[in-house]
C-alpha atoms as a PDB file:
ATOM      1  CA  MET A   1       0.000   0.000   0.000  1.00  0.00           C
ATOM      2  CA  THR A   2       1.100   3.577  -0.710  1.00  0.00           C
ATOM      3  CA  MET A   3       2.596   5.646   2.093  1.00  0.00           C
ATOM      4  CA  PRO A   4       3.597   9.319   1.912  1.00  0.00           C
ATOM      5  CA  ASN A   5       7.057  10.343   0.815  1.00  0.00           C
ATOM      6  CA  PHE A   6       6.823  13.797   2.399  1.00  0.00           C
ATOM      7  CA  LEU A   7       5.105  15.352   5.408  1.00  0.00           C
ATOM      8  CA  VAL A   8       4.339  18.886   6.545  1.00  0.00           C
ATOM      9  CA  ILE A   9       4.910  18.378  10.278  1.00  0.00           C
ATOM     10  CA  GLY A  10       3.906  21.783  11.697  1.00  0.00           C
ATOM     11  CA  ALA A  11       3.696  24.144  13.387  1.00  0.00           C
ATOM     12  CA  ALA A  12       0.051  24.756  14.236  1.00  0.00           C
ATOM     13  CA  LYS A  13      -1.291  28.196  13.225  1.00  0.00           C
ATOM     14  CA  ALA A  14       1.831  28.849  11.164  1.00  0.00           C
ATOM     15  CA  GLY A  15       0.434  28.237   7.689  1.00  0.00           C
ATOM     16  CA  THR A  16       0.075  24.457   7.479  1.00  0.00           C
ATOM     17  CA  THR A  17      -3.494  24.722   6.184  1.00  0.00           C
ATOM     18  CA  ALA A  18      -2.320  27.049   3.430  1.00  0.00           C
ATOM     19  CA  LEU A  19       0.480  24.644   2.560  1.00  0.00           C
ATOM     20  CA  HIS A  20      -1.998  21.764   2.347  1.00  0.00           C
ATOM     21  CA  GLU A  21      -4.413  23.746   0.177  1.00  0.00           C
ATOM     22  CA  TYR A  22      -1.799  25.071  -2.232  1.00  0.00           C
ATOM     23  CA  LEU A  23       0.355  21.941  -2.468  1.00  0.00           C
ATOM     24  CA  GLN A  24      -2.639  19.845  -3.473  1.00  0.00           C
ATOM     25  CA  GLN A  25      -3.167  22.086  -6.514  1.00  0.00           C
ATOM     26  CA  HIS A  26       0.066  20.794  -8.033  1.00  0.00           C
ATOM     27  CA  PRO A  27      -0.664  18.068 -10.626  1.00  0.00           C
ATOM     28  CA  GLN A  28       2.354  16.038  -9.489  1.00  0.00           C
ATOM     29  CA  ILE A  29       1.428  16.135  -5.791  1.00  0.00           C
ATOM     30  CA  TYR A  30      -1.154  14.033  -3.953  1.00  0.00           C
ATOM     31  CA  MET A  31      -2.311  15.280  -0.549  1.00  0.00           C
ATOM     32  CA  THR A  32      -4.492  13.231   1.780  1.00  0.00           C
ATOM     33  CA  PRO A  33      -8.217  14.052   1.585  1.00  0.00           C
ATOM     34  CA  THR A  34      -8.113  14.370   5.377  1.00  0.00           C
ATOM     35  CA  LYS A  35      -5.867  17.178   6.562  1.00  0.00           C
ATOM     36  CA  GLU A  36      -4.436  16.296   9.949  1.00  0.00           C
ATOM     37  CA  THR A  37      -4.919  12.553  10.104  1.00  0.00           C
ATOM     38  CA  ASN A  38      -2.792  12.602  13.295  1.00  0.00           C
ATOM     39  CA  PHE A  39      -1.723   9.025  12.512  1.00  0.00           C
ATOM     40  CA  PHE A  40       1.900   9.345  13.577  1.00  0.00           C
ATOM     41  CA  ALA A  41       0.862  11.207  16.740  1.00  0.00           C
ATOM     42  CA  PHE A  42      -1.761   8.689  17.902  1.00  0.00           C
ATOM     43  CA  GLU A  43      -1.105   5.371  16.158  1.00  0.00           C
ATOM     44  CA  GLY A  44      -2.569   2.480  18.162  1.00  0.00           C
ATOM     45  CA  GLU A  45      -3.798   4.770  20.938  1.00  0.00           C
ATOM     46  CA  LYS A  46      -7.229   5.356  22.409  1.00  0.00           C
ATOM     47  CA  ILE A  47      -7.669   9.116  22.244  1.00  0.00           C
ATOM     48  CA  ASP A  48      -8.979  10.472  25.539  1.00  0.00           C
ATOM     49  CA  VAL A  49      -9.536  14.231  25.341  1.00  0.00           C
ATOM     50  CA  ARG A  50     -11.927  16.215  27.513  1.00  0.00           C
ATOM     51  CA  GLY A  51     -11.906  19.894  26.550  1.00  0.00           C
ATOM     52  CA  PRO A  52     -14.760  21.831  24.924  1.00  0.00           C
ATOM     53  CA  GLY A  53     -15.295  20.507  21.408  1.00  0.00           C
ATOM     54  CA  ASP A  54     -12.465  17.963  21.740  1.00  0.00           C
ATOM     55  CA  GLU A  55     -14.716  15.135  20.593  1.00  0.00           C
ATOM     56  CA  ALA A  56     -13.988  16.209  17.008  1.00  0.00           C
ATOM     57  CA  LEU A  57     -10.328  15.179  17.402  1.00  0.00           C
ATOM     58  CA  LYS A  58     -11.398  11.604  18.056  1.00  0.00           C
ATOM     59  CA  ASN A  59     -13.754  11.660  15.089  1.00  0.00           C
ATOM     60  CA  PHE A  60     -11.256  12.719  12.411  1.00  0.00           C
ATOM     61  CA  SER A  61      -8.000  11.272  13.768  1.00  0.00           C
ATOM     62  CA  ILE A  62      -6.765   7.999  12.250  1.00  0.00           C
ATOM     63  CA  THR A  63      -5.071   5.542  14.610  1.00  0.00           C
ATOM     64  CA  GLU A  64      -4.980   2.370  12.462  1.00  0.00           C
ATOM     65  CA  LEU A  65      -2.388   1.727   9.754  1.00  0.00           C
ATOM     66  CA  SER A  66      -4.884   0.271   7.254  1.00  0.00           C
ATOM     67  CA  LYS A  67      -7.131   3.330   7.536  1.00  0.00           C
ATOM     68  CA  TYR A  68      -4.144   5.624   7.168  1.00  0.00           C
ATOM     69  CA  GLN A  69      -2.996   3.803   4.036  1.00  0.00           C
ATOM     70  CA  ALA A  70      -6.535   4.112   2.662  1.00  0.00           C
ATOM     71  CA  GLU A  71      -5.987   7.895   2.620  1.00  0.00           C
ATOM     72  CA  PHE A  72      -3.588   7.264  -0.291  1.00  0.00           C
ATOM     73  CA  ALA A  73      -5.907   5.008  -2.283  1.00  0.00           C
ATOM     74  CA  GLY A  74      -6.454   7.810  -4.781  1.00  0.00           C
ATOM     75  CA  VAL A  75      -2.781   8.088  -5.735  1.00  0.00           C
ATOM     76  CA  THR A  76      -2.201   7.545  -9.458  1.00  0.00           C
ATOM     77  CA  SER A  77       0.848   8.934 -11.228  1.00  0.00           C
ATOM     78  CA  GLU A  78       1.782  11.659  -8.725  1.00  0.00           C
ATOM     79  CA  LEU A  79       5.479  11.968  -7.936  1.00  0.00           C
ATOM     80  CA  ALA A  80       5.025  13.282  -4.406  1.00  0.00           C
ATOM     81  CA  THR A  81       2.496  12.010  -1.868  1.00  0.00           C
ATOM     82  CA  GLY A  82       2.030  13.691   1.457  1.00  0.00           C
ATOM     83  CA  GLU A  83      -0.046  15.141   4.232  1.00  0.00           C
ATOM     84  CA  ALA A  84       0.038  18.205   6.468  1.00  0.00           C
ATOM     85  CA  CYS A  85      -0.341  17.546  10.175  1.00  0.00           C
ATOM     86  CA  PRO A  86       0.965  20.077  12.742  1.00  0.00           C
ATOM     87  CA  SER A  87       0.630  17.681  15.672  1.00  0.00           C
ATOM     88  CA  TYR A  88       3.667  15.797  14.338  1.00  0.00           C
ATOM     89  CA  LEU A  89       6.049  18.549  15.396  1.00  0.00           C
ATOM     90  CA  TYR A  90       4.640  18.602  18.922  1.00  0.00           C
ATOM     91  CA  PHE A  91       4.259  14.948  19.864  1.00  0.00           C
ATOM     92  CA  PRO A  92       7.614  13.297  20.722  1.00  0.00           C
ATOM     93  CA  GLN A  93       6.533   9.862  19.499  1.00  0.00           C
ATOM     94  CA  ALA A  94       5.630  11.168  16.028  1.00  0.00           C
ATOM     95  CA  ALA A  95       9.248  11.495  14.884  1.00  0.00           C
ATOM     96  CA  ILE A  96       9.982   7.925  15.988  1.00  0.00           C
ATOM     97  CA  ARG A  97       6.923   6.522  14.216  1.00  0.00           C
ATOM     98  CA  ILE A  98       7.641   8.443  11.021  1.00  0.00           C
ATOM     99  CA  ASN A  99      11.176   7.060  11.019  1.00  0.00           C
ATOM    100  CA  ASN A 100       9.791   3.567  11.559  1.00  0.00           C
ATOM    101  CA  TYR A 101       7.376   3.666   8.610  1.00  0.00           C
ATOM    102  CA  ILE A 102       8.943   6.128   6.151  1.00  0.00           C
ATOM    103  CA  PRO A 103      12.593   6.724   7.125  1.00  0.00           C
ATOM    104  CA  ASP A 104      13.415   8.379   3.791  1.00  0.00           C
ATOM    105  CA  ALA A 105      10.546  10.885   3.928  1.00  0.00           C
ATOM    106  CA  ARG A 106      11.143  14.586   3.269  1.00  0.00           C
ATOM    107  CA  LEU A 107       9.958  16.678   6.204  1.00  0.00           C
ATOM    108  CA  ILE A 108       8.695  20.257   5.983  1.00  0.00           C
ATOM    109  CA  ALA A 109       8.186  22.575   8.950  1.00  0.00           C
ATOM    110  CA  ILE A 110       6.937  26.155   8.934  1.00  0.00           C
ATOM    111  CA  LEU A 111       7.415  28.205  12.090  1.00  0.00           C
ATOM    112  CA  ARG A 112       5.754  31.370  13.316  1.00  0.00           C
ATOM    113  CA  ASN A 113       6.840  33.786  16.037  1.00  0.00           C
ATOM    114  CA  PRO A 114       5.768  31.653  19.041  1.00  0.00           C
ATOM    115  CA  VAL A 115       4.065  34.584  20.781  1.00  0.00           C
ATOM    116  CA  GLU A 116       1.987  35.369  17.690  1.00  0.00           C
ATOM    117  CA  ARG A 117       1.386  31.664  17.151  1.00  0.00           C
ATOM    118  CA  ALA A 118       0.032  31.199  20.679  1.00  0.00           C
ATOM    119  CA  TYR A 119      -2.265  34.207  20.257  1.00  0.00           C
ATOM    120  CA  ALA A 120      -3.524  33.011  16.859  1.00  0.00           C
ATOM    121  CA  ASN A 121      -4.187  29.629  18.467  1.00  0.00           C
ATOM    122  CA  PHE A 122      -6.243  31.314  21.189  1.00  0.00           C
ATOM    123  CA  LEU A 123      -8.163  33.386  18.617  1.00  0.00           C
ATOM    124  CA  HIS A 124      -8.871  30.206  16.630  1.00  0.00           C
ATOM    125  CA  THR A 125     -10.615  28.555  19.586  1.00  0.00           C
ATOM    126  CA  VAL A 126     -12.449  31.817  20.352  1.00  0.00           C
ATOM    127  CA  ARG A 127     -13.569  31.975  16.716  1.00  0.00           C
ATOM    128  CA  ASP A 128     -14.841  28.403  16.916  1.00  0.00           C
ATOM    129  CA  ASP A 129     -16.781  29.182  20.117  1.00  0.00           C
ATOM    130  CA  ARG A 130     -14.735  26.714  22.184  1.00  0.00           C
ATOM    131  CA  GLU A 131     -12.535  28.957  24.341  1.00  0.00           C
ATOM    132  CA  PRO A 132     -14.177  29.701  27.728  1.00  0.00           C
ATOM    133  CA  HIS A 133     -12.156  32.935  28.128  1.00  0.00           C
ATOM    134  CA  GLN A 134     -12.206  36.047  25.969  1.00  0.00           C
ATOM    135  CA  ASN A 135      -9.026  37.179  27.721  1.00  0.00           C
ATOM    136  CA  PHE A 136      -5.741  35.735  26.427  1.00  0.00           C
ATOM    137  CA  ALA A 137      -3.909  36.089  29.760  1.00  0.00           C
ATOM    138  CA  LEU A 138      -6.595  34.121  31.603  1.00  0.00           C
ATOM    139  CA  ALA A 139      -6.459  31.361  28.998  1.00  0.00           C
ATOM    140  CA  LEU A 140      -2.673  31.139  29.435  1.00  0.00           C
ATOM    141  CA  GLU A 141      -3.075  30.900  33.207  1.00  0.00           C
ATOM    142  CA  ASP A 142      -5.440  27.962  32.733  1.00  0.00           C
ATOM    143  CA  GLU A 143      -3.102  26.039  30.437  1.00  0.00           C
ATOM    144  CA  PRO A 144      -1.442  23.789  33.093  1.00  0.00           C
ATOM    145  CA  THR A 145      -4.863  22.826  34.472  1.00  0.00           C
ATOM    146  CA  ARG A 146      -6.202  22.119  30.990  1.00  0.00           C
ATOM    147  CA  ILE A 147      -3.239  19.887  30.187  1.00  0.00           C
ATOM    148  CA  ALA A 148      -3.662  18.045  33.504  1.00  0.00           C
ATOM    149  CA  ASN A 149      -7.348  17.531  32.683  1.00  0.00           C
ATOM    150  CA  ASN A 150      -6.638  16.010  29.246  1.00  0.00           C
ATOM    151  CA  TRP A 151      -7.752  18.868  27.039  1.00  0.00           C
ATOM    152  CA  GLU A 152      -6.480  18.147  23.538  1.00  0.00           C
ATOM    153  CA  TRP A 153      -3.086  19.312  22.297  1.00  0.00           C
ATOM    154  CA  PHE A 154      -4.500  22.333  20.441  1.00  0.00           C
ATOM    155  CA  TRP A 155      -5.208  23.974  23.806  1.00  0.00           C
ATOM    156  CA  HIS A 156      -1.468  23.916  24.653  1.00  0.00           C
ATOM    157  CA  TYR A 157      -0.996  27.516  23.554  1.00  0.00           C
ATOM    158  CA  ILE A 158       2.373  28.030  25.259  1.00  0.00           C
ATOM    159  CA  GLN A 159       3.813  24.541  24.991  1.00  0.00           C
ATOM    160  CA  LEU A 160       3.293  24.320  21.225  1.00  0.00           C
ATOM    161  CA  GLY A 161       5.759  27.176  20.685  1.00  0.00           C
ATOM    162  CA  TYR A 162       8.970  25.496  21.871  1.00  0.00           C
ATOM    163  CA  TYR A 163      10.197  24.783  18.357  1.00  0.00           C
ATOM    164  CA  GLY A 164      13.844  24.303  19.230  1.00  0.00           C
ATOM    165  CA  ALA A 165      13.137  21.352  21.504  1.00  0.00           C
ATOM    166  CA  GLN A 166      10.576  19.937  19.074  1.00  0.00           C
ATOM    167  CA  LEU A 167      12.760  20.175  15.963  1.00  0.00           C
ATOM    168  CA  LYS A 168      15.763  18.793  17.809  1.00  0.00           C
ATOM    169  CA  ARG A 169      13.984  15.427  18.022  1.00  0.00           C
ATOM    170  CA  TYR A 170      13.791  15.305  14.228  1.00  0.00           C
ATOM    171  CA  TYR A 171      17.401  16.350  13.671  1.00  0.00           C
ATOM    172  CA  GLU A 172      18.495  13.582  16.058  1.00  0.00           C
ATOM    173  CA  ILE A 173      16.704  10.947  13.942  1.00  0.00           C
ATOM    174  CA  PHE A 174      16.696  12.223  10.348  1.00  0.00           C
ATOM    175  CA  ALA A 175      19.470  13.537   8.128  1.00  0.00           C
ATOM    176  CA  PRO A 176      19.443  17.353   7.883  1.00  0.00           C
ATOM    177  CA  SER A 177      19.058  16.976   4.102  1.00  0.00           C
ATOM    178  CA  GLN A 178      15.601  15.453   4.731  1.00  0.00           C
ATOM    179  CA  ILE A 179      14.350  18.470   6.681  1.00  0.00           C
ATOM    180  CA  LYS A 180      13.319  21.889   5.359  1.00  0.00           C
ATOM    181  CA  VAL A 181      12.300  24.614   7.782  1.00  0.00           C
ATOM    182  CA  TYR A 182      10.538  27.774   6.623  1.00  0.00           C
ATOM    183  CA  LEU A 183       9.201  30.786   8.490  1.00  0.00           C
ATOM    184  CA  TYR A 184       5.684  32.205   8.437  1.00  0.00           C
ATOM    185  CA  GLU A 185       7.291  35.419   7.215  1.00  0.00           C
ATOM    186  CA  ASP A 186       8.453  33.553   4.092  1.00  0.00           C
ATOM    187  CA  LEU A 187       4.853  32.614   3.329  1.00  0.00           C
ATOM    188  CA  LYS A 188       3.626  36.182   3.823  1.00  0.00           C
ATOM    189  CA  GLU A 189       6.409  38.009   2.008  1.00  0.00           C
ATOM    190  CA  ASN A 190       7.160  35.772  -0.973  1.00  0.00           C
ATOM    191  CA  PRO A 191       4.813  32.776  -1.154  1.00  0.00           C
ATOM    192  CA  VAL A 192       5.695  31.925  -4.766  1.00  0.00           C
ATOM    193  CA  ALA A 193       9.383  31.597  -3.890  1.00  0.00           C
ATOM    194  CA  LEU A 194       8.505  29.476  -0.854  1.00  0.00           C
ATOM    195  CA  PHE A 195       6.392  27.040  -2.853  1.00  0.00           C
ATOM    196  CA  GLN A 196       8.929  26.783  -5.647  1.00  0.00           C
ATOM    197  CA  ASN A 197      11.540  25.924  -3.029  1.00  0.00           C
ATOM    198  CA  ILE A 198       9.250  23.258  -1.582  1.00  0.00           C
ATOM    199  CA  PHE A 199       8.601  21.872  -5.064  1.00  0.00           C
ATOM    200  CA  ARG A 200      12.346  21.515  -5.648  1.00  0.00           C
ATOM    201  CA  PHE A 201      12.735  19.856  -2.240  1.00  0.00           C
ATOM    202  CA  ILE A 202      10.094  17.195  -2.948  1.00  0.00           C
ATOM    203  CA  GLU A 203      11.256  16.877  -6.571  1.00  0.00           C
ATOM    204  CA  VAL A 204       8.253  18.017  -8.574  1.00  0.00           C
ATOM    205  CA  ASP A 205       7.940  20.671 -11.288  1.00  0.00           C
ATOM    206  CA  ASN A 206       9.019  23.878  -9.562  1.00  0.00           C
ATOM    207  CA  THR A 207       7.619  26.186 -12.254  1.00  0.00           C
ATOM    208  CA  PHE A 208       4.034  25.535 -11.130  1.00  0.00           C
ATOM    209  CA  VAL A 209       2.401  28.490  -9.336  1.00  0.00           C
ATOM    210  CA  PRO A 210      -0.611  27.715  -7.100  1.00  0.00           C
ATOM    211  CA  ASN A 211      -3.700  29.897  -6.992  1.00  0.00           C
ATOM    212  CA  MET A 212      -3.334  31.632  -3.635  1.00  0.00           C
ATOM    213  CA  ALA A 213      -6.334  33.941  -3.862  1.00  0.00           C
ATOM    214  CA  LEU A 214      -8.056  32.283  -0.908  1.00  0.00           C
ATOM    215  CA  ARG A 215      -6.557  32.589   2.561  1.00  0.00           C
ATOM    216  CA  PRO A 216      -7.646  29.531   4.536  1.00  0.00           C
ATOM    217  CA  ASN A 217      -8.131  29.247   8.291  1.00  0.00           C
ATOM    218  CA  LYS A 218      -7.901  32.888   9.409  1.00  0.00           C
ATOM    219  CA  SER A 219      -8.311  33.371  13.157  1.00  0.00           C
ATOM    220  CA  GLY A 220      -9.888  36.255  15.019  1.00  0.00           C
ATOM    221  CA  MET A 221     -12.593  37.353  17.427  1.00  0.00           C
ATOM    222  CA  PRO A 222     -16.005  37.685  15.752  1.00  0.00           C
ATOM    223  CA  LYS A 223     -17.225  41.279  15.799  1.00  0.00           C
ATOM    224  CA  ASN A 224     -20.809  40.042  15.570  1.00  0.00           C
ATOM    225  CA  LYS A 225     -21.081  36.605  17.123  1.00  0.00           C
ATOM    226  CA  LEU A 226     -24.560  35.860  15.787  1.00  0.00           C
ATOM    227  CA  PHE A 227     -23.535  36.837  12.245  1.00  0.00           C
ATOM    228  CA  HIS A 228     -20.388  34.696  12.578  1.00  0.00           C
ATOM    229  CA  GLN A 229     -22.445  31.667  13.585  1.00  0.00           C
ATOM    230  CA  LEU A 230     -24.775  32.288  10.639  1.00  0.00           C
ATOM    231  CA  LEU A 231     -21.750  32.316   8.293  1.00  0.00           C
ATOM    232  CA  THR A 232     -19.937  29.299   9.741  1.00  0.00           C
ATOM    233  CA  LYS A 233     -22.416  26.933  11.410  1.00  0.00           C
ATOM    234  CA  PRO A 234     -24.755  24.610   9.487  1.00  0.00           C
ATOM    235  CA  ASN A 235     -28.140  26.307   8.997  1.00  0.00           C
ATOM    236  CA  PRO A 236     -30.869  26.423   6.297  1.00  0.00           C
ATOM    237  CA  LEU A 237     -30.146  30.044   5.290  1.00  0.00           C
ATOM    238  CA  LYS A 238     -26.446  29.331   4.742  1.00  0.00           C
ATOM    239  CA  THR A 239     -27.321  26.295   2.611  1.00  0.00           C
ATOM    240  CA  LEU A 240     -29.763  28.365   0.563  1.00  0.00           C
ATOM    241  CA  LEU A 241     -27.382  31.283  -0.061  1.00  0.00           C
ATOM    242  CA  LYS A 242     -24.138  29.344  -0.560  1.00  0.00           C
ATOM    243  CA  PRO A 243     -24.621  28.696  -4.314  1.00  0.00           C
ATOM    244  CA  LEU A 244     -25.212  32.430  -4.892  1.00  0.00           C
ATOM    245  CA  PHE A 245     -21.862  33.563  -3.471  1.00  0.00           C
ATOM    246  CA  PRO A 246     -18.451  32.371  -4.764  1.00  0.00           C
ATOM    247  CA  ALA A 247     -16.054  30.923  -2.175  1.00  0.00           C
ATOM    248  CA  LYS A 248     -13.786  33.978  -2.347  1.00  0.00           C
ATOM    249  CA  MET A 249     -16.705  36.331  -1.602  1.00  0.00           C
ATOM    250  CA  ARG A 250     -17.955  34.143   1.274  1.00  0.00           C
ATOM    251  CA  GLN A 251     -14.474  34.099   2.768  1.00  0.00           C
ATOM    252  CA  LYS A 252     -14.101  37.871   2.413  1.00  0.00           C
ATOM    253  CA  ILE A 253     -17.397  38.448   4.243  1.00  0.00           C
ATOM    254  CA  GLN A 254     -16.390  36.042   7.022  1.00  0.00           C
ATOM    255  CA  HIS A 255     -12.946  37.597   7.422  1.00  0.00           C
ATOM    256  CA  LYS A 256     -14.389  41.138   7.595  1.00  0.00           C
ATOM    257  CA  ASN A 257     -16.351  40.025  10.641  1.00  0.00           C
ATOM    258  CA  LEU A 258     -13.164  38.922  12.442  1.00  0.00           C
ATOM    259  CA  ASN A 259     -11.200  41.312  14.624  1.00  0.00           C
ATOM    260  CA  THR A 260      -7.653  40.842  15.989  1.00  0.00           C
ATOM    261  CA  PRO A 261      -7.079  42.905  19.137  1.00  0.00           C
ATOM    262  CA  GLN A 262      -3.489  43.620  20.139  1.00  0.00           C
ATOM    263  CA  ILE A 263      -1.744  41.394  22.668  1.00  0.00           C
ATOM    264  CA  ALA A 264      -1.298  43.206  25.978  1.00  0.00           C
ATOM    265  CA  PRO A 265       2.376  44.343  26.246  1.00  0.00           C
ATOM    266  CA  GLU A 266       2.859  42.631  29.610  1.00  0.00           C
ATOM    267  CA  VAL A 267       1.552  39.331  28.225  1.00  0.00           C
ATOM    268  CA  ARG A 268       3.792  39.601  25.178  1.00  0.00           C
ATOM    269  CA  GLN A 269       6.788  40.259  27.443  1.00  0.00           C
ATOM    270  CA  GLN A 270       5.901  37.300  29.660  1.00  0.00           C
ATOM    271  CA  LEU A 271       5.832  34.971  26.654  1.00  0.00           C
ATOM    272  CA  ILE A 272       9.032  36.347  25.114  1.00  0.00           C
ATOM    273  CA  ASP A 273      10.812  35.740  28.410  1.00  0.00           C
ATOM    274  CA  LEU A 274       9.533  32.161  28.459  1.00  0.00           C
ATOM    275  CA  TYR A 275      10.518  31.472  24.867  1.00  0.00           C
ATOM    276  CA  ARG A 276      13.885  33.283  24.752  1.00  0.00           C
ATOM    277  CA  PRO A 277      16.186  30.263  25.417  1.00  0.00           C
ATOM    278  CA  ASP A 278      14.267  28.076  22.980  1.00  0.00           C
ATOM    279  CA  ILE A 279      14.206  30.779  20.277  1.00  0.00           C
ATOM    280  CA  LEU A 280      17.992  31.075  20.512  1.00  0.00           C
ATOM    281  CA  GLU A 281      18.343  27.290  20.327  1.00  0.00           C
ATOM    282  CA  CYS A 282      15.998  27.136  17.338  1.00  0.00           C
ATOM    283  CA  GLN A 283      17.894  29.936  15.624  1.00  0.00           C
ATOM    284  CA  ASP A 284      21.131  27.942  15.809  1.00  0.00           C
ATOM    285  CA  LEU A 285      19.402  24.726  14.788  1.00  0.00           C
ATOM    286  CA  ILE A 286      17.841  26.058  11.584  1.00  0.00           C
ATOM    287  CA  ASP A 287      20.483  28.710  10.833  1.00  0.00           C
ATOM    288  CA  ARG A 288      17.957  31.546  10.494  1.00  0.00           C
ATOM    289  CA  ASP A 289      17.981  34.914  12.250  1.00  0.00           C
ATOM    290  CA  LEU A 290      15.051  34.886  14.691  1.00  0.00           C
ATOM    291  CA  SER A 291      15.958  38.073  16.571  1.00  0.00           C
ATOM    292  CA  ALA A 292      12.708  39.698  15.400  1.00  0.00           C
ATOM    293  CA  TRP A 293      10.852  37.213  17.598  1.00  0.00           C
ATOM    294  CA  LEU A 294      12.531  38.751  20.642  1.00  0.00           C
ATOM    295  CA  VAL A 295      11.397  42.322  19.931  1.00  0.00           C
ATOM    296  CA  GLY A 296       9.822  43.850  23.024  1.00  0.00           C
ATOM    297  CA  SER A 297      11.982  41.884  25.421  1.00  0.00           C
ATOM    298  CA  ALA A 298      14.307  43.424  27.976  1.00  0.00           C
ATOM    299  CA  VAL A 299      17.936  43.897  26.910  1.00  0.00           C
END
């Protein structure tokens, strides 16, 4: 049975959904129908998660090898087969399992300023009406309790941002030539160059340019909560109107209803102080200047 020959391993809220959407446009690339199968994070495990809305993780995660392989049943003549799953960067066992099944796989990571990543993660759960707090600082204070109470990994706002420690596990197992690490800034500033670099890395036609008109998975606080629910939750009116509005227009309307308040300076400083040693370690590991991630910190 077919297995992937490349994986987008993370990080969460750093552009992995965009990578999945745009990579699958390439005629020589096959991406799994299910984004985030979580197979290498949870293989053979019984998923026990207890946070608000966490039941969905159990519903879409794949823990059996045969079901995971079935995700690649549609592969025909594609040169590159892969999936995008940000949990793989976070879970220690994922690197070991990937090496066990596909030791020659190419691995792609995309990293975002961990403070901004944590905040975008929080806004995502607020947007989806799961986060009990509207205040970022209070949500961060609750994180240890949530982890102790088995809330799923996506609630680990702070812990998900220690990229240096997470990537180190991969560099200890895989050859550096198998790993490509990009920054969220690369995706924002020159997405065409980023994708052409990825295409060269996974050995497909690098002249292909994806259609990047749609921006998937934007986070934010709904300005009008009722209107947001009307736009995003299943309802008869949404079903009726959907054929009348193109996807790009629907997305534009939804995004206009999302607001992104600034992070409180004291909260930003608290997180920078937490992340500083790991940012410096990550900087050395990937050989990229990450000093911009430390802006706002004390000298």
